[in-house]
PDB file of N, CA and C in Angstrom:
ATOM      1  N   MET A   1     -24.478 -26.003  71.449  1.00  0.00           N
ATOM      2  CA  MET A   1     -24.319 -26.677  70.428  1.00  0.00           C
ATOM      3  C   MET A   1     -24.266 -25.781  69.090  1.00  0.00           C
ATOM      4  N   ALA A   2     -23.377 -25.868  68.077  1.00  0.00           N
ATOM      5  CA  ALA A   2     -23.058 -24.959  67.099  1.00  0.00           C
ATOM      6  C   ALA A   2     -24.231 -25.219  66.027  1.00  0.00           C
ATOM      7  N   ALA A   3     -24.470 -24.097  65.451  1.00  0.00           N
ATOM      8  CA  ALA A   3     -25.562 -24.158  64.250  1.00  0.00           C
ATOM      9  C   ALA A   3     -24.809 -25.065  63.123  1.00  0.00           C
ATOM     10  N   THR A   4     -25.558 -25.912  62.320  1.00  0.00           N
ATOM     11  CA  THR A   4     -24.926 -26.545  61.320  1.00  0.00           C
ATOM     12  C   THR A   4     -25.747 -25.978  59.919  1.00  0.00           C
ATOM     13  N   LYS A   5     -24.944 -26.058  58.934  1.00  0.00           N
ATOM     14  CA  LYS A   5     -25.355 -25.696  57.629  1.00  0.00           C
ATOM     15  C   LYS A   5     -26.488 -26.539  57.083  1.00  0.00           C
ATOM     16  N   ASP A   6     -27.449 -26.029  56.499  1.00  0.00           N
ATOM     17  CA  ASP A   6     -28.379 -26.955  55.884  1.00  0.00           C
ATOM     18  C   ASP A   6     -27.669 -27.610  54.593  1.00  0.00           C
ATOM     19  N   SER A   7     -27.692 -28.905  54.609  1.00  0.00           N
ATOM     20  CA  SER A   7     -27.014 -29.613  53.568  1.00  0.00           C
ATOM     21  C   SER A   7     -27.943 -29.922  52.461  1.00  0.00           C
ATOM     22  N   ARG A   8     -29.242 -29.610  52.531  1.00  0.00           N
ATOM     23  CA  ARG A   8     -30.169 -29.925  51.469  1.00  0.00           C
ATOM     24  C   ARG A   8     -29.808 -29.141  50.354  1.00  0.00           C
ATOM     25  N   LYS A   9     -29.994 -29.647  49.150  1.00  0.00           N
ATOM     26  CA  LYS A   9     -29.674 -28.981  47.838  1.00  0.00           C
ATOM     27  C   LYS A   9     -30.912 -28.593  47.366  1.00  0.00           C
ATOM     28  N   LEU A  10     -31.123 -27.272  47.088  1.00  0.00           N
ATOM     29  CA  LEU A  10     -32.311 -26.846  46.446  1.00  0.00           C
ATOM     30  C   LEU A  10     -32.435 -27.332  44.982  1.00  0.00           C
ATOM     31  N   LEU A  11     -33.531 -27.694  44.421  1.00  0.00           N
ATOM     32  CA  LEU A  11     -33.754 -28.295  43.173  1.00  0.00           C
ATOM     33  C   LEU A  11     -33.831 -26.975  42.166  1.00  0.00           C
ATOM     34  N   VAL A  12     -33.248 -27.077  41.054  1.00  0.00           N
ATOM     35  CA  VAL A  12     -33.416 -26.052  39.987  1.00  0.00           C
ATOM     36  C   VAL A  12     -34.644 -26.604  39.321  1.00  0.00           C
ATOM     37  N   MET A  13     -35.638 -25.786  39.084  1.00  0.00           N
ATOM     38  CA  MET A  13     -36.803 -26.031  38.309  1.00  0.00           C
ATOM     39  C   MET A  13     -36.895 -25.393  37.042  1.00  0.00           C
ATOM     40  N   ALA A  14     -37.003 -25.902  35.901  1.00  0.00           N
ATOM     41  CA  ALA A  14     -37.145 -25.319  34.665  1.00  0.00           C
ATOM     42  C   ALA A  14     -38.567 -25.486  34.150  1.00  0.00           C
ATOM     43  N   THR A  15     -39.008 -24.460  33.415  1.00  0.00           N
ATOM     44  CA  THR A  15     -40.390 -24.692  32.732  1.00  0.00           C
ATOM     45  C   THR A  15     -40.267 -25.404  31.462  1.00  0.00           C
ATOM     46  N   LEU A  16     -40.826 -26.651  31.492  1.00  0.00           N
ATOM     47  CA  LEU A  16     -40.651 -27.263  30.057  1.00  0.00           C
ATOM     48  C   LEU A  16     -42.021 -27.056  29.156  1.00  0.00           C
ATOM     49  N   ARG A  17     -41.925 -26.527  27.961  1.00  0.00           N
ATOM     50  CA  ARG A  17     -42.950 -26.092  27.044  1.00  0.00           C
ATOM     51  C   ARG A  17     -42.840 -27.082  25.930  1.00  0.00           C
ATOM     52  N   LEU A  18     -43.924 -27.585  25.678  1.00  0.00           N
ATOM     53  CA  LEU A  18     -44.122 -28.789  24.714  1.00  0.00           C
ATOM     54  C   LEU A  18     -45.143 -28.234  23.687  1.00  0.00           C
ATOM     55  N   PHE A  19     -44.877 -28.597  22.291  1.00  0.00           N
ATOM     56  CA  PHE A  19     -45.712 -28.003  21.266  1.00  0.00           C
ATOM     57  C   PHE A  19     -46.064 -29.182  20.454  1.00  0.00           C
ATOM     58  N   ALA A  20     -47.212 -29.095  19.538  1.00  0.00           N
ATOM     59  CA  ALA A  20     -47.685 -29.840  18.477  1.00  0.00           C
ATOM     60  C   ALA A  20     -47.757 -31.304  18.984  1.00  0.00           C
ATOM     61  N   HIS A  21     -47.197 -32.215  18.394  1.00  0.00           N
ATOM     62  CA  HIS A  21     -47.377 -33.657  18.667  1.00  0.00           C
ATOM     63  C   HIS A  21     -46.686 -34.068  19.879  1.00  0.00           C
ATOM     64  N   VAL A  22     -45.611 -33.437  20.142  1.00  0.00           N
ATOM     65  CA  VAL A  22     -44.938 -33.649  21.374  1.00  0.00           C
ATOM     66  C   VAL A  22     -45.785 -33.326  22.651  1.00  0.00           C
ATOM     67  N   ARG A  23     -46.445 -32.327  22.464  1.00  0.00           N
ATOM     68  CA  ARG A  23     -47.483 -32.023  23.408  1.00  0.00           C
ATOM     69  C   ARG A  23     -48.659 -33.064  23.819  1.00  0.00           C
ATOM     70  N   GLU A  24     -49.063 -33.683  22.539  1.00  0.00           N
ATOM     71  CA  GLU A  24     -50.045 -34.563  22.667  1.00  0.00           C
ATOM     72  C   GLU A  24     -49.472 -35.862  23.255  1.00  0.00           C
ATOM     73  N   VAL A  25     -48.403 -36.209  22.817  1.00  0.00           N
ATOM     74  CA  VAL A  25     -47.777 -37.496  23.510  1.00  0.00           C
ATOM     75  C   VAL A  25     -47.622 -37.453  24.942  1.00  0.00           C
ATOM     76  N   ALA A  26     -47.220 -36.211  25.516  1.00  0.00           N
ATOM     77  CA  ALA A  26     -46.891 -35.889  26.894  1.00  0.00           C
ATOM     78  C   ALA A  26     -48.176 -35.642  27.681  1.00  0.00           C
ATOM     79  N   GLY A  27     -49.297 -35.358  26.953  1.00  0.00           N
ATOM     80  CA  GLY A  27     -50.467 -35.013  27.627  1.00  0.00           C
ATOM     81  C   GLY A  27     -50.446 -33.470  28.277  1.00  0.00           C
ATOM     82  N   THR A  28     -49.546 -32.774  27.978  1.00  0.00           N
ATOM     83  CA  THR A  28     -49.440 -31.301  28.593  1.00  0.00           C
ATOM     84  C   THR A  28     -48.709 -30.497  27.770  1.00  0.00           C
ATOM     85  N   GLY A  29     -48.887 -29.212  27.745  1.00  0.00           N
ATOM     86  CA  GLY A  29     -48.173 -28.320  27.044  1.00  0.00           C
ATOM     87  C   GLY A  29     -47.118 -27.592  27.934  1.00  0.00           C
ATOM     88  N   SER A  30     -47.011 -27.828  29.243  1.00  0.00           N
ATOM     89  CA  SER A  30     -46.090 -27.253  30.100  1.00  0.00           C
ATOM     90  C   SER A  30     -46.213 -27.983  31.418  1.00  0.00           C
ATOM     91  N   ASP A  31     -44.705 -27.932  31.845  1.00  0.00           N
ATOM     92  CA  ASP A  31     -44.591 -28.684  33.182  1.00  0.00           C
ATOM     93  C   ASP A  31     -43.386 -28.104  33.843  1.00  0.00           C
ATOM     94  N   GLU A  32     -43.249 -28.414  35.176  1.00  0.00           N
ATOM     95  CA  GLU A  32     -42.131 -27.817  35.934  1.00  0.00           C
ATOM     96  C   GLU A  32     -41.266 -29.105  36.162  1.00  0.00           C
ATOM     97  N   VAL A  33     -40.013 -29.037  35.599  1.00  0.00           N
ATOM     98  CA  VAL A  33     -39.044 -30.233  35.486  1.00  0.00           C
ATOM     99  C   VAL A  33     -37.653 -29.895  36.264  1.00  0.00           C
ATOM    100  N   PRO A  34     -37.300 -30.723  37.089  1.00  0.00           N
ATOM    101  CA  PRO A  34     -35.946 -30.433  37.826  1.00  0.00           C
ATOM    102  C   PRO A  34     -34.722 -30.693  36.754  1.00  0.00           C
ATOM    103  N   GLY A  35     -33.701 -29.992  36.966  1.00  0.00           N
ATOM    104  CA  GLY A  35     -32.380 -30.232  36.222  1.00  0.00           C
ATOM    105  C   GLY A  35     -31.562 -29.174  36.136  1.00  0.00           C
ATOM    106  N   THR A  36     -30.174 -29.502  36.153  1.00  0.00           N
ATOM    107  CA  THR A  36     -29.272 -28.425  36.099  1.00  0.00           C
ATOM    108  C   THR A  36     -28.697 -28.152  34.635  1.00  0.00           C
ATOM    109  N   THR A  37     -28.889 -29.162  33.536  1.00  0.00           N
ATOM    110  CA  THR A  37     -28.502 -28.866  32.279  1.00  0.00           C
ATOM    111  C   THR A  37     -29.804 -29.150  31.400  1.00  0.00           C
ATOM    112  N   VAL A  38     -29.825 -28.901  30.277  1.00  0.00           N
ATOM    113  CA  VAL A  38     -30.832 -29.065  29.346  1.00  0.00           C
ATOM    114  C   VAL A  38     -31.232 -30.602  29.334  1.00  0.00           C
ATOM    115  N   ASP A  39     -30.018 -31.322  28.977  1.00  0.00           N
ATOM    116  CA  ASP A  39     -30.014 -32.952  29.062  1.00  0.00           C
ATOM    117  C   ASP A  39     -30.622 -33.425  30.269  1.00  0.00           C
ATOM    118  N   GLN A  40     -30.523 -32.919  31.514  1.00  0.00           N
ATOM    119  CA  GLN A  40     -31.116 -33.372  32.683  1.00  0.00           C
ATOM    120  C   GLN A  40     -32.696 -33.051  32.703  1.00  0.00           C
ATOM    121  N   VAL A  41     -32.994 -31.993  32.176  1.00  0.00           N
ATOM    122  CA  VAL A  41     -34.423 -31.708  32.123  1.00  0.00           C
ATOM    123  C   VAL A  41     -35.167 -32.583  31.227  1.00  0.00           C
ATOM    124  N   LEU A  42     -34.627 -32.752  30.077  1.00  0.00           N
ATOM    125  CA  LEU A  42     -35.097 -33.681  28.938  1.00  0.00           C
ATOM    126  C   LEU A  42     -35.118 -35.113  29.617  1.00  0.00           C
ATOM    127  N   ALA A  43     -34.022 -35.559  30.211  1.00  0.00           N
ATOM    128  CA  ALA A  43     -34.062 -36.956  30.643  1.00  0.00           C
ATOM    129  C   ALA A  43     -35.134 -37.119  31.765  1.00  0.00           C
ATOM    130  N   THR A  44     -35.423 -36.080  32.575  1.00  0.00           N
ATOM    131  CA  THR A  44     -36.494 -36.232  33.469  1.00  0.00           C
ATOM    132  C   THR A  44     -37.849 -36.314  32.710  1.00  0.00           C
ATOM    133  N   ALA A  45     -38.034 -35.588  31.755  1.00  0.00           N
ATOM    134  CA  ALA A  45     -39.276 -35.589  31.046  1.00  0.00           C
ATOM    135  C   ALA A  45     -39.567 -36.923  30.378  1.00  0.00           C
ATOM    136  N   VAL A  46     -38.363 -37.435  29.711  1.00  0.00           N
ATOM    137  CA  VAL A  46     -38.461 -38.866  29.305  1.00  0.00           C
ATOM    138  C   VAL A  46     -39.070 -39.732  30.276  1.00  0.00           C
ATOM    139  N   ASP A  47     -38.551 -39.717  31.522  1.00  0.00           N
ATOM    140  CA  ASP A  47     -38.976 -40.532  32.575  1.00  0.00           C
ATOM    141  C   ASP A  47     -40.368 -40.393  32.936  1.00  0.00           C
ATOM    142  N   ARG A  48     -40.929 -39.123  32.887  1.00  0.00           N
ATOM    143  CA  ARG A  48     -42.165 -38.972  32.991  1.00  0.00           C
ATOM    144  C   ARG A  48     -43.234 -39.226  32.012  1.00  0.00           C
ATOM    145  N   TYR A  49     -42.819 -39.105  30.823  1.00  0.00           N
ATOM    146  CA  TYR A  49     -43.802 -39.136  29.613  1.00  0.00           C
ATOM    147  C   TYR A  49     -43.506 -40.523  28.712  1.00  0.00           C
ATOM    148  N   GLY A  50     -42.529 -41.178  29.159  1.00  0.00           N
ATOM    149  CA  GLY A  50     -42.287 -42.564  28.253  1.00  0.00           C
ATOM    150  C   GLY A  50     -41.553 -42.451  27.065  1.00  0.00           C
ATOM    151  N   ALA A  51     -41.486 -43.720  26.554  1.00  0.00           N
ATOM    152  CA  ALA A  51     -40.942 -44.274  25.310  1.00  0.00           C
ATOM    153  C   ALA A  51     -41.456 -43.242  23.906  1.00  0.00           C
ATOM    154  N   ALA A  52     -42.654 -42.982  23.926  1.00  0.00           N
ATOM    155  CA  ALA A  52     -43.215 -42.296  22.731  1.00  0.00           C
ATOM    156  C   ALA A  52     -42.753 -41.020  22.820  1.00  0.00           C
ATOM    157  N   PHE A  53     -42.623 -40.339  23.992  1.00  0.00           N
ATOM    158  CA  PHE A  53     -41.962 -39.092  24.160  1.00  0.00           C
ATOM    159  C   PHE A  53     -40.648 -38.984  23.694  1.00  0.00           C
ATOM    160  N   ALA A  54     -39.804 -39.919  24.012  1.00  0.00           N
ATOM    161  CA  ALA A  54     -38.369 -40.209  23.898  1.00  0.00           C
ATOM    162  C   ALA A  54     -38.208 -40.265  22.272  1.00  0.00           C
ATOM    163  N   GLU A  55     -39.005 -41.077  21.640  1.00  0.00           N
ATOM    164  CA  GLU A  55     -39.008 -41.124  20.240  1.00  0.00           C
ATOM    165  C   GLU A  55     -39.216 -39.849  19.393  1.00  0.00           C
ATOM    166  N   GLN A  56     -40.249 -39.209  19.863  1.00  0.00           N
ATOM    167  CA  GLN A  56     -40.460 -37.782  19.251  1.00  0.00           C
ATOM    168  C   GLN A  56     -39.489 -36.914  19.648  1.00  0.00           C
ATOM    169  N   LEU A  57     -38.739 -36.787  20.788  1.00  0.00           N
ATOM    170  CA  LEU A  57     -37.821 -36.013  21.227  1.00  0.00           C
ATOM    171  C   LEU A  57     -36.715 -35.981  20.207  1.00  0.00           C
ATOM    172  N   GLN A  58     -36.327 -37.248  19.581  1.00  0.00           N
ATOM    173  CA  GLN A  58     -35.090 -37.220  18.663  1.00  0.00           C
ATOM    174  C   GLN A  58     -35.438 -36.525  17.503  1.00  0.00           C
ATOM    175  N   ILE A  59     -36.455 -36.110  17.081  1.00  0.00           N
ATOM    176  CA  ILE A  59     -36.673 -35.290  15.866  1.00  0.00           C
ATOM    177  C   ILE A  59     -36.924 -33.888  16.083  1.00  0.00           C
ATOM    178  N   CYS A  60     -36.838 -33.416  17.374  1.00  0.00           N
ATOM    179  CA  CYS A  60     -37.292 -32.188  17.802  1.00  0.00           C
ATOM    180  C   CYS A  60     -36.199 -31.316  17.919  1.00  0.00           C
ATOM    181  N   ARG A  61     -36.255 -29.899  17.795  1.00  0.00           N
ATOM    182  CA  ARG A  61     -35.236 -28.854  18.165  1.00  0.00           C
ATOM    183  C   ARG A  61     -35.561 -28.527  19.603  1.00  0.00           C
ATOM    184  N   VAL A  62     -34.516 -28.224  20.440  1.00  0.00           N
ATOM    185  CA  VAL A  62     -34.713 -27.687  21.805  1.00  0.00           C
ATOM    186  C   VAL A  62     -34.154 -26.252  21.896  1.00  0.00           C
ATOM    187  N   TRP A  63     -34.921 -25.556  22.692  1.00  0.00           N
ATOM    188  CA  TRP A  63     -34.508 -24.048  22.807  1.00  0.00           C
ATOM    189  C   TRP A  63     -34.503 -23.774  24.372  1.00  0.00           C
ATOM    190  N   LEU A  64     -33.486 -22.952  24.801  1.00  0.00           N
ATOM    191  CA  LEU A  64     -33.512 -22.491  26.148  1.00  0.00           C
ATOM    192  C   LEU A  64     -33.643 -20.946  26.143  1.00  0.00           C
ATOM    193  N   ASN A  65     -34.641 -20.438  26.784  1.00  0.00           N
ATOM    194  CA  ASN A  65     -35.125 -19.179  26.907  1.00  0.00           C
ATOM    195  C   ASN A  65     -35.041 -18.423  25.455  1.00  0.00           C
ATOM    196  N   GLY A  66     -35.570 -19.090  24.617  1.00  0.00           N
ATOM    197  CA  GLY A  66     -35.694 -18.656  23.341  1.00  0.00           C
ATOM    198  C   GLY A  66     -34.601 -18.593  22.171  1.00  0.00           C
ATOM    199  N   GLU A  67     -33.441 -19.405  22.646  1.00  0.00           N
ATOM    200  CA  GLU A  67     -32.460 -19.626  21.742  1.00  0.00           C
ATOM    201  C   GLU A  67     -32.089 -20.947  21.525  1.00  0.00           C
ATOM    202  N   PRO A  68     -31.718 -21.347  20.475  1.00  0.00           N
ATOM    203  CA  PRO A  68     -31.427 -22.954  20.090  1.00  0.00           C
ATOM    204  C   PRO A  68     -30.219 -23.454  20.913  1.00  0.00           C
ATOM    205  N   VAL A  69     -30.349 -24.527  21.579  1.00  0.00           N
ATOM    206  CA  VAL A  69     -29.286 -25.140  22.319  1.00  0.00           C
ATOM    207  C   VAL A  69     -28.987 -26.673  21.966  1.00  0.00           C
ATOM    208  N   THR A  70     -27.822 -27.089  22.461  1.00  0.00           N
ATOM    209  CA  THR A  70     -27.717 -28.486  22.598  1.00  0.00           C
ATOM    210  C   THR A  70     -27.817 -28.907  24.022  1.00  0.00           C
ATOM    211  N   GLY A  71     -27.621 -30.074  24.268  1.00  0.00           N
ATOM    212  CA  GLY A  71     -27.937 -30.529  25.750  1.00  0.00           C
ATOM    213  C   GLY A  71     -27.321 -30.155  26.976  1.00  0.00           C
ATOM    214  N   SER A  72     -25.897 -29.777  26.780  1.00  0.00           N
ATOM    215  CA  SER A  72     -25.145 -29.491  27.917  1.00  0.00           C
ATOM    216  C   SER A  72     -25.239 -28.183  28.588  1.00  0.00           C
ATOM    217  N   GLU A  73     -26.026 -27.173  27.904  1.00  0.00           N
ATOM    218  CA  GLU A  73     -26.084 -26.034  28.583  1.00  0.00           C
ATOM    219  C   GLU A  73     -26.744 -25.851  30.005  1.00  0.00           C
ATOM    220  N   PRO A  74     -26.062 -25.265  30.762  1.00  0.00           N
ATOM    221  CA  PRO A  74     -26.888 -25.071  32.269  1.00  0.00           C
ATOM    222  C   PRO A  74     -28.067 -24.443  32.224  1.00  0.00           C
ATOM    223  N   VAL A  75     -29.013 -24.810  33.129  1.00  0.00           N
ATOM    224  CA  VAL A  75     -30.310 -24.522  33.317  1.00  0.00           C
ATOM    225  C   VAL A  75     -30.519 -23.746  34.803  1.00  0.00           C
ATOM    226  N   ALA A  76     -30.821 -22.476  34.701  1.00  0.00           N
ATOM    227  CA  ALA A  76     -31.104 -21.926  36.103  1.00  0.00           C
ATOM    228  C   ALA A  76     -32.512 -21.943  36.486  1.00  0.00           C
ATOM    229  N   ASP A  77     -32.730 -21.794  37.689  1.00  0.00           N
ATOM    230  CA  ASP A  77     -34.222 -21.853  38.224  1.00  0.00           C
ATOM    231  C   ASP A  77     -35.111 -20.877  37.533  1.00  0.00           C
ATOM    232  N   GLY A  78     -36.177 -21.330  36.916  1.00  0.00           N
ATOM    233  CA  GLY A  78     -37.290 -20.527  36.167  1.00  0.00           C
ATOM    234  C   GLY A  78     -36.776 -20.351  34.727  1.00  0.00           C
ATOM    235  N   ASP A  79     -35.813 -20.973  34.123  1.00  0.00           N
ATOM    236  CA  ASP A  79     -35.547 -21.024  32.794  1.00  0.00           C
ATOM    237  C   ASP A  79     -36.545 -21.725  32.027  1.00  0.00           C
ATOM    238  N   GLU A  80     -36.803 -21.444  30.761  1.00  0.00           N
ATOM    239  CA  GLU A  80     -37.826 -22.133  30.062  1.00  0.00           C
ATOM    240  C   GLU A  80     -37.039 -22.896  28.879  1.00  0.00           C
ATOM    241  N   VAL A  81     -37.357 -24.200  28.895  1.00  0.00           N
ATOM    242  CA  VAL A  81     -36.885 -25.262  27.860  1.00  0.00           C
ATOM    243  C   VAL A  81     -38.066 -25.634  26.965  1.00  0.00           C
ATOM    244  N   ALA A  82     -37.893 -25.252  25.750  1.00  0.00           N
ATOM    245  CA  ALA A  82     -38.986 -25.627  24.745  1.00  0.00           C
ATOM    246  C   ALA A  82     -38.622 -26.588  23.788  1.00  0.00           C
ATOM    247  N   VAL A  83     -39.672 -27.612  23.524  1.00  0.00           N
ATOM    248  CA  VAL A  83     -39.396 -28.795  22.412  1.00  0.00           C
ATOM    249  C   VAL A  83     -40.294 -28.418  21.369  1.00  0.00           C
ATOM    250  N   LEU A  84     -39.544 -28.167  20.260  1.00  0.00           N
ATOM    251  CA  LEU A  84     -40.280 -27.844  19.152  1.00  0.00           C
ATOM    252  C   LEU A  84     -40.150 -28.808  18.087  1.00  0.00           C
ATOM    253  N   PRO A  85     -41.274 -29.602  17.627  1.00  0.00           N
ATOM    254  CA  PRO A  85     -41.112 -30.692  16.659  1.00  0.00           C
ATOM    255  C   PRO A  85     -40.961 -30.021  15.200  1.00  0.00           C
ATOM    256  N   PRO A  86     -40.450 -30.648  14.270  1.00  0.00           N
ATOM    257  CA  PRO A  86     -40.319 -30.087  13.007  1.00  0.00           C
ATOM    258  C   PRO A  86     -41.786 -29.712  12.301  1.00  0.00           C
ATOM    259  N   VAL A  87     -41.651 -28.750  11.650  1.00  0.00           N
ATOM    260  CA  VAL A  87     -43.028 -28.166  11.031  1.00  0.00           C
ATOM    261  C   VAL A  87     -42.825 -28.272   9.499  1.00  0.00           C
ATOM    262  N   SER A  88     -43.792 -28.356   8.697  1.00  0.00           N
ATOM    263  CA  SER A  88     -43.791 -28.294   7.177  1.00  0.00           C
ATOM    264  C   SER A  88     -44.566 -27.167   6.882  1.00  0.00           C
ATOM    265  N   GLY A  89     -44.308 -26.544   5.776  1.00  0.00           N
ATOM    266  CA  GLY A  89     -45.140 -25.509   5.322  1.00  0.00           C
ATOM    267  C   GLY A  89     -45.268 -25.731   3.741  1.00  0.00           C
ATOM    268  N   GLY A  90     -45.897 -24.702   3.200  1.00  0.00           N
ATOM    269  CA  GLY A  90     -46.129 -24.762   1.698  1.00  0.00           C
ATOM    270  C   GLY A  90     -46.319 -23.471   1.099  1.00  0.00           C
TER     271      GLY A  90
END
């Protein structure tokens, strides 16, 4: 019998970093989240953390490996997706 290829797809896992109020809403500052794009990582986070997280996400900036991004950028295994709420200063 011939060997068959393993058809299982390995999950791409990003580290999600959450700050300030978004961290409080999620109940954690860091999590491992699957997804091949920033949008997929954030959608999984919304599924995990609920409506209050989704609401806060609308006013946040998102960074991938220290650079600001939009949602369609690809995510590689071990990348860091950071969610930063607006800050005020004086």
